[in-house]
Amino acid sequence: GLDRQADGGTHVASTTEVGAVEVTGTESKG
């Protein structure tokens, strides 16, 4: 229901397992 994309890496089984997220910075690179 949120994101579906090609990827070869490893992931948890539910979003709750992430814990919480903090945005620590935003930058303009161009």
mmCIF file of all heavy atoms, coordinates in Angstrom:
data_MODEL
# 
_entry.id   MODEL 
# 
loop_
_atom_site.group_PDB 
_atom_site.id 
_atom_site.type_symbol 
_atom_site.label_atom_id 
_atom_site.label_alt_id 
_atom_site.label_comp_id 
_atom_site.label_asym_id 
_atom_site.label_entity_id 
_atom_site.label_seq_id 
_atom_site.pdbx_PDB_ins_code 
_atom_site.Cartn_x 
_atom_site.Cartn_y 
_atom_site.Cartn_z 
_atom_site.occupancy 
_atom_site.B_iso_or_equiv 
_atom_site.pdbx_formal_charge 
_atom_site.auth_seq_id 
_atom_site.auth_comp_id 
_atom_site.auth_asym_id 
_atom_site.auth_atom_id 
_atom_site.pdbx_PDB_model_num 
ATOM 1   N N   . GLY A 1 1  ? 0.776  -1.227 0.000  1.00 0.00 ? 1  GLY A N   1 
ATOM 2   C CA  . GLY A 1 1  ? 0.000  0.000  0.000  1.00 0.00 ? 1  GLY A CA  1 
ATOM 3   C C   . GLY A 1 1  ? 0.807  1.277  0.000  1.00 0.00 ? 1  GLY A C   1 
ATOM 4   O O   . GLY A 1 1  ? 0.229  2.364  0.007  1.00 0.00 ? 1  GLY A O   1 
ATOM 5   N N   . LEU A 1 2  ? 2.150  1.176  -0.027 1.00 0.00 ? 2  LEU A N   1 
ATOM 6   C CA  . LEU A 1 2  ? 2.979  2.386  0.017  1.00 0.00 ? 2  LEU A CA  1 
ATOM 7   C C   . LEU A 1 2  ? 4.032  2.430  -1.075 1.00 0.00 ? 2  LEU A C   1 
ATOM 8   O O   . LEU A 1 2  ? 4.120  3.398  -1.829 1.00 0.00 ? 2  LEU A O   1 
ATOM 9   C CB  . LEU A 1 2  ? 3.664  2.520  1.379  1.00 0.00 ? 2  LEU A CB  1 
ATOM 10  C CG  . LEU A 1 2  ? 4.655  3.687  1.497  1.00 0.00 ? 2  LEU A CG  1 
ATOM 11  C CD1 . LEU A 1 2  ? 3.921  5.023  1.397  1.00 0.00 ? 2  LEU A CD1 1 
ATOM 12  C CD2 . LEU A 1 2  ? 5.445  3.599  2.801  1.00 0.00 ? 2  LEU A CD2 1 
ATOM 13  N N   . ASP A 1 3  ? 4.865  1.389  -1.168 1.00 0.00 ? 3  ASP A N   1 
ATOM 14  C CA  . ASP A 1 3  ? 6.033  1.459  -2.050 1.00 0.00 ? 3  ASP A CA  1 
ATOM 15  C C   . ASP A 1 3  ? 6.317  0.066  -2.617 1.00 0.00 ? 3  ASP A C   1 
ATOM 16  O O   . ASP A 1 3  ? 6.375  -0.918 -1.867 1.00 0.00 ? 3  ASP A O   1 
ATOM 17  C CB  . ASP A 1 3  ? 7.250  1.965  -1.276 1.00 0.00 ? 3  ASP A CB  1 
ATOM 18  C CG  . ASP A 1 3  ? 8.462  2.144  -2.163 1.00 0.00 ? 3  ASP A CG  1 
ATOM 19  O OD1 . ASP A 1 3  ? 8.460  3.082  -2.988 1.00 0.00 ? 3  ASP A OD1 1 
ATOM 20  O OD2 . ASP A 1 3  ? 9.412  1.349  -2.046 1.00 0.00 ? 3  ASP A OD2 1 
ATOM 21  N N   . ARG A 1 4  ? 6.508  -0.005 -3.915 1.00 0.00 ? 4  ARG A N   1 
ATOM 22  C CA  . ARG A 1 4  ? 6.799  -1.271 -4.589 1.00 0.00 ? 4  ARG A CA  1 
ATOM 23  C C   . ARG A 1 4  ? 7.853  -1.002 -5.644 1.00 0.00 ? 4  ARG A C   1 
ATOM 24  O O   . ARG A 1 4  ? 7.598  -0.289 -6.609 1.00 0.00 ? 4  ARG A O   1 
ATOM 25  C CB  . ARG A 1 4  ? 5.525  -1.834 -5.216 1.00 0.00 ? 4  ARG A CB  1 
ATOM 26  C CG  . ARG A 1 4  ? 5.653  -3.195 -5.899 1.00 0.00 ? 4  ARG A CG  1 
ATOM 27  C CD  . ARG A 1 4  ? 4.264  -3.681 -6.291 1.00 0.00 ? 4  ARG A CD  1 
ATOM 28  N NE  . ARG A 1 4  ? 4.309  -4.959 -6.969 1.00 0.00 ? 4  ARG A NE  1 
ATOM 29  C CZ  . ARG A 1 4  ? 4.323  -5.115 -8.293 1.00 0.00 ? 4  ARG A CZ  1 
ATOM 30  N NH1 . ARG A 1 4  ? 4.291  -4.041 -9.070 1.00 0.00 ? 4  ARG A NH1 1 
ATOM 31  N NH2 . ARG A 1 4  ? 4.376  -6.311 -8.840 1.00 0.00 ? 4  ARG A NH2 1 
ATOM 32  N N   . GLN A 1 5  ? 9.062  -1.555 -5.432 1.00 0.00 ? 5  GLN A N   1 
ATOM 33  C CA  . GLN A 1 5  ? 10.131 -1.267 -6.382 1.00 0.00 ? 5  GLN A CA  1 
ATOM 34  C C   . GLN A 1 5  ? 11.175 -2.375 -6.399 1.00 0.00 ? 5  GLN A C   1 
ATOM 35  O O   . GLN A 1 5  ? 11.330 -3.130 -5.440 1.00 0.00 ? 5  GLN A O   1 
ATOM 36  C CB  . GLN A 1 5  ? 10.793 0.069  -6.055 1.00 0.00 ? 5  GLN A CB  1 
ATOM 37  C CG  . GLN A 1 5  ? 11.426 0.162  -4.693 1.00 0.00 ? 5  GLN A CG  1 
ATOM 38  C CD  . GLN A 1 5  ? 12.176 1.477  -4.507 1.00 0.00 ? 5  GLN A CD  1 
ATOM 39  O OE1 . GLN A 1 5  ? 13.189 1.722  -5.146 1.00 0.00 ? 5  GLN A OE1 1 
ATOM 40  N NE2 . GLN A 1 5  ? 11.662 2.325  -3.631 1.00 0.00 ? 5  GLN A NE2 1 
ATOM 41  N N   . ALA A 1 6  ? 11.886 -2.442 -7.531 1.00 0.00 ? 6  ALA A N   1 
ATOM 42  C CA  . ALA A 1 6  ? 12.951 -3.421 -7.694 1.00 0.00 ? 6  ALA A CA  1 
ATOM 43  C C   . ALA A 1 6  ? 14.072 -3.125 -6.713 1.00 0.00 ? 6  ALA A C   1 
ATOM 44  O O   . ALA A 1 6  ? 14.476 -1.967 -6.545 1.00 0.00 ? 6  ALA A O   1 
ATOM 45  C CB  . ALA A 1 6  ? 13.479 -3.379 -9.123 1.00 0.00 ? 6  ALA A CB  1 
ATOM 46  N N   . ASP A 1 7  ? 14.572 -4.179 -6.056 1.00 0.00 ? 7  ASP A N   1 
ATOM 47  C CA  . ASP A 1 7  ? 15.615 -3.984 -5.050 1.00 0.00 ? 7  ASP A CA  1 
ATOM 48  C C   . ASP A 1 7  ? 16.237 -5.332 -4.701 1.00 0.00 ? 7  ASP A C   1 
ATOM 49  O O   . ASP A 1 7  ? 15.541 -6.340 -4.597 1.00 0.00 ? 7  ASP A O   1 
ATOM 50  C CB  . ASP A 1 7  ? 15.010 -3.349 -3.792 1.00 0.00 ? 7  ASP A CB  1 
ATOM 51  C CG  . ASP A 1 7  ? 16.048 -3.022 -2.744 1.00 0.00 ? 7  ASP A CG  1 
ATOM 52  O OD1 . ASP A 1 7  ? 16.639 -1.938 -2.819 1.00 0.00 ? 7  ASP A OD1 1 
ATOM 53  O OD2 . ASP A 1 7  ? 16.270 -3.869 -1.861 1.00 0.00 ? 7  ASP A OD2 1 
ATOM 54  N N   . GLY A 1 8  ? 17.557 -5.339 -4.489 1.00 0.00 ? 8  GLY A N   1 
ATOM 55  C CA  . GLY A 1 8  ? 18.242 -6.581 -4.167 1.00 0.00 ? 8  GLY A CA  1 
ATOM 56  C C   . GLY A 1 8  ? 18.644 -6.721 -2.717 1.00 0.00 ? 8  GLY A C   1 
ATOM 57  O O   . GLY A 1 8  ? 19.208 -7.743 -2.332 1.00 0.00 ? 8  GLY A O   1 
ATOM 58  N N   . GLY A 1 9  ? 18.358 -5.715 -1.883 1.00 0.00 ? 9  GLY A N   1 
ATOM 59  C CA  . GLY A 1 9  ? 18.848 -5.703 -0.511 1.00 0.00 ? 9  GLY A CA  1 
ATOM 60  C C   . GLY A 1 9  ? 17.940 -6.413 0.477  1.00 0.00 ? 9  GLY A C   1 
ATOM 61  O O   . GLY A 1 9  ? 16.990 -7.106 0.115  1.00 0.00 ? 9  GLY A O   1 
ATOM 62  N N   . THR A 1 10 ? 18.231 -6.222 1.763  1.00 0.00 ? 10 THR A N   1 
ATOM 63  C CA  . THR A 1 10 ? 17.507 -6.907 2.830  1.00 0.00 ? 10 THR A CA  1 
ATOM 64  C C   . THR A 1 10 ? 16.629 -5.921 3.593  1.00 0.00 ? 10 THR A C   1 
ATOM 65  O O   . THR A 1 10 ? 17.003 -4.762 3.798  1.00 0.00 ? 10 THR A O   1 
ATOM 66  C CB  . THR A 1 10 ? 18.475 -7.608 3.801  1.00 0.00 ? 10 THR A CB  1 
ATOM 67  O OG1 . THR A 1 10 ? 19.343 -6.645 4.390  1.00 0.00 ? 10 THR A OG1 1 
ATOM 68  C CG2 . THR A 1 10 ? 19.310 -8.644 3.061  1.00 0.00 ? 10 THR A CG2 1 
ATOM 69  N N   . HIS A 1 11 ? 15.463 -6.420 4.035  1.00 0.00 ? 11 HIS A N   1 
ATOM 70  C CA  . HIS A 1 11 ? 14.454 -5.567 4.663  1.00 0.00 ? 11 HIS A CA  1 
ATOM 71  C C   . HIS A 1 11 ? 13.760 -6.306 5.792  1.00 0.00 ? 11 HIS A C   1 
ATOM 72  O O   . HIS A 1 11 ? 13.758 -7.542 5.826  1.00 0.00 ? 11 HIS A O   1 
ATOM 73  C CB  . HIS A 1 11 ? 13.414 -5.131 3.622  1.00 0.00 ? 11 HIS A CB  1 
ATOM 74  C CG  . HIS A 1 11 ? 13.983 -4.310 2.513  1.00 0.00 ? 11 HIS A CG  1 
ATOM 75  N ND1 . HIS A 1 11 ? 14.002 -2.937 2.534  1.00 0.00 ? 11 HIS A ND1 1 
ATOM 76  C CD2 . HIS A 1 11 ? 14.593 -4.683 1.355  1.00 0.00 ? 11 HIS A CD2 1 
ATOM 77  C CE1 . HIS A 1 11 ? 14.593 -2.491 1.431  1.00 0.00 ? 11 HIS A CE1 1 
ATOM 78  N NE2 . HIS A 1 11 ? 14.957 -3.532 0.702  1.00 0.00 ? 11 HIS A NE2 1 
ATOM 79  N N   . VAL A 1 12 ? 13.136 -5.534 6.688  1.00 0.00 ? 12 VAL A N   1 
ATOM 80  C CA  . VAL A 1 12 ? 12.336 -6.128 7.753  1.00 0.00 ? 12 VAL A CA  1 
ATOM 81  C C   . VAL A 1 12 ? 10.976 -6.530 7.193  1.00 0.00 ? 12 VAL A C   1 
ATOM 82  O O   . VAL A 1 12 ? 10.635 -6.201 6.051  1.00 0.00 ? 12 VAL A O   1 
ATOM 83  C CB  . VAL A 1 12 ? 12.189 -5.164 8.943  1.00 0.00 ? 12 VAL A CB  1 
ATOM 84  C CG1 . VAL A 1 12 ? 13.535 -4.947 9.621  1.00 0.00 ? 12 VAL A CG1 1 
ATOM 85  C CG2 . VAL A 1 12 ? 11.595 -3.822 8.503  1.00 0.00 ? 12 VAL A CG2 1 
ATOM 86  N N   . ALA A 1 13 ? 10.188 -7.251 7.992  1.00 0.00 ? 13 ALA A N   1 
ATOM 87  C CA  . ALA A 1 13 ? 8.925  -7.823 7.520  1.00 0.00 ? 13 ALA A CA  1 
ATOM 88  C C   . ALA A 1 13 ? 7.724  -6.912 7.734  1.00 0.00 ? 13 ALA A C   1 
ATOM 89  O O   . ALA A 1 13 ? 6.659  -7.148 7.174  1.00 0.00 ? 13 ALA A O   1 
ATOM 90  C CB  . ALA A 1 13 ? 8.673  -9.161 8.203  1.00 0.00 ? 13 ALA A CB  1 
ATOM 91  N N   . SER A 1 14 ? 7.878  -5.870 8.559  1.00 0.00 ? 14 SER A N   1 
ATOM 92  C CA  . SER A 1 14 ? 6.790  -4.935 8.818  1.00 0.00 ? 14 SER A CA  1 
ATOM 93  C C   . SER A 1 14 ? 7.386  -3.561 9.091  1.00 0.00 ? 14 SER A C   1 
ATOM 94  O O   . SER A 1 14 ? 8.472  -3.452 9.674  1.00 0.00 ? 14 SER A O   1 
ATOM 95  C CB  . SER A 1 14 ? 5.965  -5.384 10.027 1.00 0.00 ? 14 SER A CB  1 
ATOM 96  O OG  . SER A 1 14 ? 5.083  -4.362 10.463 1.00 0.00 ? 14 SER A OG  1 
ATOM 97  N N   . THR A 1 15 ? 6.670  -2.523 8.694  1.00 0.00 ? 15 THR A N   1 
ATOM 98  C CA  . THR A 1 15 ? 7.192  -1.170 8.913  1.00 0.00 ? 15 THR A CA  1 
ATOM 99  C C   . THR A 1 15 ? 7.401  -0.881 10.398 1.00 0.00 ? 15 THR A C   1 
ATOM 100 O O   . THR A 1 15 ? 8.309  -0.114 10.758 1.00 0.00 ? 15 THR A O   1 
ATOM 101 C CB  . THR A 1 15 ? 6.266  -0.117 8.300  1.00 0.00 ? 15 THR A CB  1 
ATOM 102 O OG1 . THR A 1 15 ? 4.949  -0.261 8.832  1.00 0.00 ? 15 THR A OG1 1 
ATOM 103 C CG2 . THR A 1 15 ? 6.218  -0.244 6.785  1.00 0.00 ? 15 THR A CG2 1 
ATOM 104 N N   . THR A 1 16 ? 6.602  -1.488 11.280 1.00 0.00 ? 16 THR A N   1 
ATOM 105 C CA  . THR A 1 16 ? 6.763  -1.208 12.709 1.00 0.00 ? 16 THR A CA  1 
ATOM 106 C C   . THR A 1 16 ? 8.134  -1.633 13.226 1.00 0.00 ? 16 THR A C   1 
ATOM 107 O O   . THR A 1 16 ? 8.625  -1.080 14.209 1.00 0.00 ? 16 THR A O   1 
ATOM 108 C CB  . THR A 1 16 ? 5.678  -1.913 13.539 1.00 0.00 ? 16 THR A CB  1 
ATOM 109 O OG1 . THR A 1 16 ? 5.697  -3.318 13.264 1.00 0.00 ? 16 THR A OG1 1 
ATOM 110 C CG2 . THR A 1 16 ? 4.314  -1.364 13.239 1.00 0.00 ? 16 THR A CG2 1 
ATOM 111 N N   . GLU A 1 17 ? 8.752  -2.609 12.560 1.00 0.00 ? 17 GLU A N   1 
ATOM 112 C CA  . GLU A 1 17 ? 10.062 -3.086 12.998 1.00 0.00 ? 17 GLU A CA  1 
ATOM 113 C C   . GLU A 1 17 ? 11.167 -2.053 12.768 1.00 0.00 ? 17 GLU A C   1 
ATOM 114 O O   . GLU A 1 17 ? 12.238 -2.129 13.372 1.00 0.00 ? 17 GLU A O   1 
ATOM 115 C CB  . GLU A 1 17 ? 10.388 -4.396 12.269 1.00 0.00 ? 17 GLU A CB  1 
ATOM 116 C CG  . GLU A 1 17 ? 11.425 -5.248 12.957 1.00 0.00 ? 17 GLU A CG  1 
ATOM 117 C CD  . GLU A 1 17 ? 11.564 -6.620 12.315 1.00 0.00 ? 17 GLU A CD  1 
ATOM 118 O OE1 . GLU A 1 17 ? 10.585 -7.091 11.701 1.00 0.00 ? 17 GLU A OE1 1 
ATOM 119 O OE2 . GLU A 1 17 ? 12.653 -7.209 12.434 1.00 0.00 ? 17 GLU A OE2 1 
ATOM 120 N N   . VAL A 1 18 ? 10.896 -1.065 11.912 1.00 0.00 ? 18 VAL A N   1 
ATOM 121 C CA  . VAL A 1 18 ? 11.870 0.011  11.700 1.00 0.00 ? 18 VAL A CA  1 
ATOM 122 C C   . VAL A 1 18 ? 12.092 0.774  13.000 1.00 0.00 ? 18 VAL A C   1 
ATOM 123 O O   . VAL A 1 18 ? 13.209 1.185  13.305 1.00 0.00 ? 18 VAL A O   1 
ATOM 124 C CB  . VAL A 1 18 ? 11.386 0.966  10.590 1.00 0.00 ? 18 VAL A CB  1 
ATOM 125 C CG1 . VAL A 1 18 ? 12.283 2.211  10.508 1.00 0.00 ? 18 VAL A CG1 1 
ATOM 126 C CG2 . VAL A 1 18 ? 11.355 0.242  9.247  1.00 0.00 ? 18 VAL A CG2 1 
ATOM 127 N N   . GLY A 1 19 ? 11.039 0.948  13.778 1.00 0.00 ? 19 GLY A N   1 
ATOM 128 C CA  . GLY A 1 19 ? 11.135 1.712  15.019 1.00 0.00 ? 19 GLY A CA  1 
ATOM 129 C C   . GLY A 1 19 ? 10.603 3.108  14.827 1.00 0.00 ? 19 GLY A C   1 
ATOM 130 O O   . GLY A 1 19 ? 9.409  3.364  14.960 1.00 0.00 ? 19 GLY A O   1 
ATOM 131 N N   . ALA A 1 20 ? 11.471 4.037  14.498 1.00 0.00 ? 20 ALA A N   1 
ATOM 132 C CA  . ALA A 1 20 ? 11.087 5.416  14.196 1.00 0.00 ? 20 ALA A CA  1 
ATOM 133 C C   . ALA A 1 20 ? 12.205 6.018  13.367 1.00 0.00 ? 20 ALA A C   1 
ATOM 134 O O   . ALA A 1 20 ? 13.334 5.527  13.353 1.00 0.00 ? 20 ALA A O   1 
ATOM 135 C CB  . ALA A 1 20 ? 10.862 6.220  15.469 1.00 0.00 ? 20 ALA A CB  1 
ATOM 136 N N   . VAL A 1 21 ? 11.875 7.100  12.657 1.00 0.00 ? 21 VAL A N   1 
ATOM 137 C CA  . VAL A 1 21 ? 12.841 7.747  11.770 1.00 0.00 ? 21 VAL A CA  1 
ATOM 138 C C   . VAL A 1 21 ? 12.927 9.227  12.102 1.00 0.00 ? 21 VAL A C   1 
ATOM 139 O O   . VAL A 1 21 ? 11.916 9.883  12.368 1.00 0.00 ? 21 VAL A O   1 
ATOM 140 C CB  . VAL A 1 21 ? 12.445 7.557  10.290 1.00 0.00 ? 21 VAL A CB  1 
ATOM 141 C CG1 . VAL A 1 21 ? 13.332 8.396  9.375  1.00 0.00 ? 21 VAL A CG1 1 
ATOM 142 C CG2 . VAL A 1 21 ? 12.538 6.090  9.896  1.00 0.00 ? 21 VAL A CG2 1 
ATOM 143 N N   . GLU A 1 22 ? 14.146 9.736  12.080 1.00 0.00 ? 22 GLU A N   1 
ATOM 144 C CA  . GLU A 1 22 ? 14.379 11.173 12.237 1.00 0.00 ? 22 GLU A CA  1 
ATOM 145 C C   . GLU A 1 22 ? 15.063 11.696 10.980 1.00 0.00 ? 22 GLU A C   1 
ATOM 146 O O   . GLU A 1 22 ? 16.031 11.103 10.504 1.00 0.00 ? 22 GLU A O   1 
ATOM 147 C CB  . GLU A 1 22 ? 15.282 11.437 13.445 1.00 0.00 ? 22 GLU A CB  1 
ATOM 148 C CG  . GLU A 1 22 ? 15.635 12.896 13.649 1.00 0.00 ? 22 GLU A CG  1 
ATOM 149 C CD  . GLU A 1 22 ? 16.629 13.109 14.766 1.00 0.00 ? 22 GLU A CD  1 
ATOM 150 O OE1 . GLU A 1 22 ? 16.956 12.137 15.474 1.00 0.00 ? 22 GLU A OE1 1 
ATOM 151 O OE2 . GLU A 1 22 ? 17.099 14.266 14.925 1.00 0.00 ? 22 GLU A OE2 1 
ATOM 152 N N   . VAL A 1 23 ? 14.550 12.776 10.417 1.00 0.00 ? 23 VAL A N   1 
ATOM 153 C CA  . VAL A 1 23 ? 15.244 13.459 9.325  1.00 0.00 ? 23 VAL A CA  1 
ATOM 154 C C   . VAL A 1 23 ? 16.312 14.344 9.950  1.00 0.00 ? 23 VAL A C   1 
ATOM 155 O O   . VAL A 1 23 ? 16.004 15.291 10.674 1.00 0.00 ? 23 VAL A O   1 
ATOM 156 C CB  . VAL A 1 23 ? 14.271 14.286 8.463  1.00 0.00 ? 23 VAL A CB  1 
ATOM 157 C CG1 . VAL A 1 23 ? 15.050 15.150 7.465  1.00 0.00 ? 23 VAL A CG1 1 
ATOM 158 C CG2 . VAL A 1 23 ? 13.313 13.365 7.712  1.00 0.00 ? 23 VAL A CG2 1 
ATOM 159 N N   . THR A 1 24 ? 17.565 13.996 9.729  1.00 0.00 ? 24 THR A N   1 
ATOM 160 C CA  . THR A 1 24 ? 18.677 14.687 10.379 1.00 0.00 ? 24 THR A CA  1 
ATOM 161 C C   . THR A 1 24 ? 19.284 15.799 9.537  1.00 0.00 ? 24 THR A C   1 
ATOM 162 O O   . THR A 1 24 ? 20.112 16.562 10.039 1.00 0.00 ? 24 THR A O   1 
ATOM 163 C CB  . THR A 1 24 ? 19.779 13.679 10.739 1.00 0.00 ? 24 THR A CB  1 
ATOM 164 O OG1 . THR A 1 24 ? 20.236 13.028 9.543  1.00 0.00 ? 24 THR A OG1 1 
ATOM 165 C CG2 . THR A 1 24 ? 19.266 12.639 11.723 1.00 0.00 ? 24 THR A CG2 1 
ATOM 166 N N   . GLY A 1 25 ? 18.876 15.903 8.281  1.00 0.00 ? 25 GLY A N   1 
ATOM 167 C CA  . GLY A 1 25 ? 19.416 16.965 7.448  1.00 0.00 ? 25 GLY A CA  1 
ATOM 168 C C   . GLY A 1 25 ? 18.753 17.009 6.090  1.00 0.00 ? 25 GLY A C   1 
ATOM 169 O O   . GLY A 1 25 ? 18.307 15.988 5.569  1.00 0.00 ? 25 GLY A O   1 
ATOM 170 N N   . THR A 1 26 ? 18.659 18.200 5.531  1.00 0.00 ? 26 THR A N   1 
ATOM 171 C CA  . THR A 1 26 ? 18.185 18.405 4.164  1.00 0.00 ? 26 THR A CA  1 
ATOM 172 C C   . THR A 1 26 ? 19.156 19.346 3.482  1.00 0.00 ? 26 THR A C   1 
ATOM 173 O O   . THR A 1 26 ? 19.580 20.344 4.062  1.00 0.00 ? 26 THR A O   1 
ATOM 174 C CB  . THR A 1 26 ? 16.768 18.997 4.135  1.00 0.00 ? 26 THR A CB  1 
ATOM 175 O OG1 . THR A 1 26 ? 16.748 20.211 4.910  1.00 0.00 ? 26 THR A OG1 1 
ATOM 176 C CG2 . THR A 1 26 ? 15.748 18.017 4.712  1.00 0.00 ? 26 THR A CG2 1 
ATOM 177 N N   . GLU A 1 27 ? 19.517 19.018 2.236  1.00 0.00 ? 27 GLU A N   1 
ATOM 178 C CA  . GLU A 1 27 ? 20.518 19.803 1.522  1.00 0.00 ? 27 GLU A CA  1 
ATOM 179 C C   . GLU A 1 27 ? 20.140 19.939 0.053  1.00 0.00 ? 27 GLU A C   1 
ATOM 180 O O   . GLU A 1 27 ? 19.493 19.059 -0.509 1.00 0.00 ? 27 GLU A O   1 
ATOM 181 C CB  . GLU A 1 27 ? 21.893 19.122 1.587  1.00 0.00 ? 27 GLU A CB  1 
ATOM 182 C CG  . GLU A 1 27 ? 22.391 18.783 2.977  1.00 0.00 ? 27 GLU A CG  1 
ATOM 183 C CD  . GLU A 1 27 ? 23.598 17.858 2.917  1.00 0.00 ? 27 GLU A CD  1 
ATOM 184 O OE1 . GLU A 1 27 ? 24.466 18.067 2.048  1.00 0.00 ? 27 GLU A OE1 1 
ATOM 185 O OE2 . GLU A 1 27 ? 23.652 16.913 3.720  1.00 0.00 ? 27 GLU A OE2 1 
ATOM 186 N N   . SER A 1 28 ? 20.577 21.019 -0.542 1.00 0.00 ? 28 SER A N   1 
ATOM 187 C CA  . SER A 1 28 ? 20.489 21.181 -1.983 1.00 0.00 ? 28 SER A CA  1 
ATOM 188 C C   . SER A 1 28 ? 21.843 20.833 -2.581 1.00 0.00 ? 28 SER A C   1 
ATOM 189 O O   . SER A 1 28 ? 22.860 21.425 -2.229 1.00 0.00 ? 28 SER A O   1 
ATOM 190 C CB  . SER A 1 28 ? 20.117 22.620 -2.348 1.00 0.00 ? 28 SER A CB  1 
ATOM 191 O OG  . SER A 1 28 ? 20.112 22.780 -3.752 1.00 0.00 ? 28 SER A OG  1 
ATOM 192 N N   . LYS A 1 29 ? 21.866 19.841 -3.459 1.00 0.00 ? 29 LYS A N   1 
ATOM 193 C CA  . LYS A 1 29 ? 23.114 19.402 -4.096 1.00 0.00 ? 29 LYS A CA  1 
ATOM 194 C C   . LYS A 1 29 ? 23.162 19.814 -5.564 1.00 0.00 ? 29 LYS A C   1 
ATOM 195 O O   . LYS A 1 29 ? 23.969 19.320 -6.328 1.00 0.00 ? 29 LYS A O   1 
ATOM 196 C CB  . LYS A 1 29 ? 23.245 17.876 -3.985 1.00 0.00 ? 29 LYS A CB  1 
ATOM 197 C CG  . LYS A 1 29 ? 23.142 17.348 -2.567 1.00 0.00 ? 29 LYS A CG  1 
ATOM 198 C CD  . LYS A 1 29 ? 24.200 17.937 -1.656 1.00 0.00 ? 29 LYS A CD  1 
ATOM 199 C CE  . LYS A 1 29 ? 25.582 17.408 -1.973 1.00 0.00 ? 29 LYS A CE  1 
ATOM 200 N NZ  . LYS A 1 29 ? 26.592 17.880 -0.982 1.00 0.00 ? 29 LYS A NZ  1 
ATOM 201 N N   . GLY A 1 30 ? 22.292 20.725 -5.947 1.00 0.00 ? 30 GLY A N   1 
ATOM 202 C CA  . GLY A 1 30 ? 22.251 21.187 -7.329 1.00 0.00 ? 30 GLY A CA  1 
ATOM 203 C C   . GLY A 1 30 ? 20.872 21.695 -7.662 1.00 0.00 ? 30 GLY A C   1 
ATOM 204 O O   . GLY A 1 30 ? 19.942 21.652 -6.837 1.00 0.00 ? 30 GLY A O   1 
# 
